[in-house]
Amino acid sequence: TAAHAAAADPLTVVKNYMSAWSTLAGKKKASDQDVAKAANIAASYFDADVEYLDSTVGTPQVGSVVARDNVVKAFLSSFRDAKWEMVGKPKVTGNDVEFKWRFTGHANGPYLMDPTCKGEGEAINLPGESRITVRDGMIAYQNDTYDAKVLPAQLARSEKACQATHAAEAQAAATTAK
């Protein structure tokens, strides 16, 4: 948007974008509307053809709506009180901003790994790194990396509950089919 282009300094754009991700920090009872609004605000920093690669999603998400729905909204739905913050000093080279970060919150929405289940409230504390390219005040490229084993380990209770739910559903379906 014009407001983002006015703040075309890449580091300022990235900091404002991260702040948008953290709109619901500390708000455990955020509604679906709250999540959608926060995701829309964060996605307003994306160029229409943004390419977003996140370790959990696994494949590049191309386009602002796709990146919003498959990355931003997915995470904010699962961790409705999320806070995403830089750790240490970022490295800015031209339009590229590289930085370490920490993503914290609680699994209090749909379980990220299987949205048919609900998170069990585990606290998450996920460290990672990002490289973001800003062009004309908009994010054109984002690559988030983190240890893919950390998040599932922190969400073990949700995973167990989800597996139990599916097993009970399968058992009920098998009983009904008889």
Protein backbone atom coordinates (compact mmCIF):
# COMPACT_ATOMS: atom_id res chain seq x y z
CA THR A 1 0.00 0.00 0.00
CA ALA A 2 1.01 3.63 -0.26
CA ALA A 3 1.62 3.77 3.51
CA HIS A 4 4.08 0.87 3.30
CA ALA A 5 5.83 2.39 0.28
CA ALA A 6 6.29 5.61 2.26
CA ALA A 7 8.16 3.58 4.89
CA ALA A 8 10.28 1.95 2.19
CA ASP A 9 13.30 1.48 4.44
CA PRO A 10 13.53 -2.34 4.43
CA LEU A 11 14.20 -2.67 8.16
CA THR A 12 11.26 -0.43 9.05
CA VAL A 13 8.98 -2.44 6.75
CA VAL A 14 10.11 -5.71 8.36
CA LYS A 15 9.68 -4.39 11.90
CA ASN A 16 6.18 -3.08 11.10
CA TYR A 17 5.31 -6.41 9.45
CA MET A 18 6.48 -8.37 12.50
CA SER A 19 4.46 -6.05 14.72
CA ALA A 20 1.38 -6.90 12.63
CA TRP A 21 2.04 -10.62 13.25
CA SER A 22 2.13 -9.84 16.98
CA THR A 23 -1.14 -7.87 17.06
CA LEU A 24 -2.81 -10.55 19.19
CA ALA A 25 0.13 -11.16 21.58
CA GLY A 26 -1.18 -12.03 25.00
CA LYS A 27 -4.79 -12.36 23.80
CA LYS A 28 -5.61 -16.07 24.33
CA LYS A 29 -9.30 -15.70 23.49
CA ALA A 30 -8.80 -14.14 20.05
CA SER A 31 -11.72 -14.84 17.74
CA ASP A 32 -11.54 -16.04 14.14
CA GLN A 33 -12.35 -12.42 13.15
CA ASP A 34 -9.40 -11.18 15.22
CA VAL A 35 -7.11 -13.72 13.52
CA ALA A 36 -8.39 -12.81 10.04
CA LYS A 37 -7.87 -9.10 10.73
CA ALA A 38 -4.31 -9.64 12.04
CA ALA A 39 -3.48 -11.90 9.07
CA ASN A 40 -4.82 -9.29 6.66
CA ILE A 41 -2.75 -6.55 8.29
CA ALA A 42 0.41 -8.67 8.13
CA ALA A 43 -0.31 -9.65 4.52
CA SER A 44 -0.79 -6.00 3.58
CA TYR A 45 3.02 -5.82 3.66
CA PHE A 46 3.29 -8.44 0.88
CA ASP A 47 3.88 -7.63 -2.74
CA ALA A 48 1.10 -9.19 -4.85
CA ASP A 49 3.60 -11.76 -6.18
CA VAL A 50 5.43 -12.42 -2.91
CA GLU A 51 7.26 -15.73 -2.58
CA TYR A 52 7.16 -17.06 0.98
CA LEU A 53 9.00 -20.19 2.07
CA ASP A 54 8.43 -21.45 5.61
CA SER A 55 9.94 -24.63 7.09
CA THR A 56 6.58 -25.97 8.30
CA VAL A 57 4.72 -25.35 5.04
CA GLY A 58 7.59 -26.86 3.04
CA THR A 59 6.85 -25.49 -0.44
CA PRO A 60 7.04 -21.89 -1.65
CA GLN A 61 3.78 -20.00 -1.25
CA VAL A 62 3.45 -17.58 -4.14
CA GLY A 63 1.09 -14.61 -4.08
CA SER A 64 -0.09 -12.47 -1.18
CA VAL A 65 -3.40 -14.28 -0.64
CA VAL A 66 -1.79 -17.73 -0.76
CA ALA A 67 1.01 -16.69 1.63
CA ARG A 68 -1.50 -15.03 3.94
CA ASP A 69 -3.79 -18.05 4.11
CA ASN A 70 -1.22 -20.86 4.12
CA VAL A 71 1.40 -19.32 6.41
CA VAL A 72 0.31 -16.20 8.31
CA LYS A 73 -3.30 -17.16 8.99
CA ALA A 74 -2.39 -20.81 9.68
CA PHE A 75 0.10 -19.80 12.37
CA LEU A 76 -2.07 -17.06 13.88
CA SER A 77 -5.06 -19.41 13.97
CA SER A 78 -3.05 -22.02 15.84
CA PHE A 79 -1.22 -19.61 18.15
CA ARG A 80 -3.79 -16.88 18.76
CA ASP A 81 -1.60 -15.07 21.28
CA ALA A 82 1.56 -15.22 19.14
CA LYS A 83 4.44 -12.84 19.46
CA TRP A 84 7.17 -12.70 16.81
CA GLU A 85 10.24 -10.69 17.72
CA MET A 86 13.77 -10.09 16.48
CA VAL A 87 16.62 -11.40 18.58
CA GLY A 88 19.89 -9.53 18.25
CA LYS A 89 20.85 -7.06 15.57
CA PRO A 90 19.53 -7.63 12.03
CA LYS A 91 21.83 -7.55 9.01
CA VAL A 92 20.59 -5.16 6.31
CA THR A 93 22.17 -5.37 2.86
CA GLY A 94 20.40 -3.22 0.30
CA ASN A 95 16.81 -4.50 0.17
CA ASP A 96 17.56 -7.68 2.15
CA VAL A 97 17.02 -8.00 5.89
CA GLU A 98 18.40 -11.08 7.67
CA PHE A 99 17.71 -11.68 11.33
CA LYS A 100 17.26 -14.20 14.10
CA TRP A 101 13.89 -14.34 15.82
CA ARG A 102 11.77 -15.98 18.46
CA PHE A 103 8.11 -16.94 17.96
CA THR A 104 6.18 -17.51 21.20
CA GLY A 105 2.60 -18.18 22.19
CA HIS A 106 0.27 -21.03 23.06
CA ALA A 107 -1.34 -23.74 20.91
CA ASN A 108 -4.85 -22.49 21.57
CA GLY A 109 -6.47 -22.72 18.14
CA PRO A 110 -6.70 -25.35 15.41
CA TYR A 111 -3.69 -27.67 15.67
CA LEU A 112 -1.14 -26.43 13.10
CA MET A 113 -0.18 -29.92 11.91
CA ASP A 114 -3.83 -31.03 11.55
CA PRO A 115 -6.44 -28.24 11.60
CA THR A 116 -9.23 -30.78 12.23
CA CYS A 117 -8.00 -30.89 15.85
CA LYS A 118 -7.60 -28.16 18.47
CA GLY A 119 -4.34 -27.24 20.18
CA GLU A 120 -3.98 -28.30 23.79
CA GLY A 121 -2.56 -25.02 25.08
CA GLU A 122 1.15 -25.87 25.03
CA ALA A 123 3.52 -22.94 25.27
CA ILE A 124 5.75 -22.63 22.25
CA ASN A 125 9.11 -20.97 22.06
CA LEU A 126 10.43 -21.35 18.54
CA PRO A 127 13.76 -19.81 17.53
CA GLY A 128 14.54 -19.27 13.87
CA GLU A 129 16.00 -17.06 11.18
CA SER A 130 14.53 -15.13 8.27
CA ARG A 131 15.68 -13.45 5.12
CA ILE A 132 13.24 -10.92 3.73
CA THR A 133 13.60 -8.90 0.54
CA VAL A 134 11.72 -5.59 0.39
CA ARG A 135 11.01 -3.83 -2.91
CA ASP A 136 9.17 -0.52 -3.12
CA GLY A 137 8.10 -0.81 0.52
CA MET A 138 6.58 -4.29 0.05
CA ILE A 139 7.87 -7.75 0.95
CA ALA A 140 8.77 -9.53 -2.27
CA TYR A 141 10.46 -12.61 -0.75
CA GLN A 142 10.55 -14.25 2.66
CA ASN A 143 12.37 -17.38 3.77
CA ASP A 144 11.88 -18.56 7.36
CA THR A 145 14.06 -21.38 8.63
CA TYR A 146 14.03 -23.20 11.94
CA ASP A 147 14.64 -26.67 13.28
CA ALA A 148 11.64 -28.62 12.01
CA LYS A 149 11.81 -30.93 15.05
CA VAL A 150 11.34 -28.17 17.65
CA LEU A 151 7.73 -27.25 16.92
CA PRO A 152 6.37 -30.84 16.84
CA ALA A 153 8.25 -31.60 20.07
CA GLN A 154 6.68 -28.58 21.75
CA LEU A 155 3.26 -29.59 20.42
CA ALA A 156 3.44 -33.25 21.55
CA ARG A 157 0.32 -32.98 23.73
CA SER A 158 -1.69 -31.58 20.80
CA GLU A 159 -0.36 -34.34 18.53
CA LYS A 160 -1.34 -37.04 21.04
CA ALA A 161 -4.79 -35.56 21.54
CA CYS A 162 -5.30 -35.26 17.79
CA GLN A 163 -4.28 -38.89 17.23
CA ALA A 164 -6.63 -39.99 20.01
CA THR A 165 -9.49 -37.98 18.49
CA HIS A 166 -8.95 -39.55 15.07
CA ALA A 167 -8.67 -43.04 16.59
CA ALA A 168 -11.97 -42.53 18.45
CA GLU A 169 -13.61 -41.24 15.27
CA ALA A 170 -12.35 -44.26 13.32
CA GLN A 171 -13.58 -46.61 16.05
CA ALA A 172 -17.00 -44.94 16.07
CA ALA A 173 -17.20 -45.14 12.27
CA ALA A 174 -16.24 -48.82 12.33
CA THR A 175 -18.85 -49.54 15.02
CA THR A 176 -21.53 -47.66 13.07
CA ALA A 177 -20.65 -49.50 9.85
CA LYS A 178 -21.27 -52.90 11.49
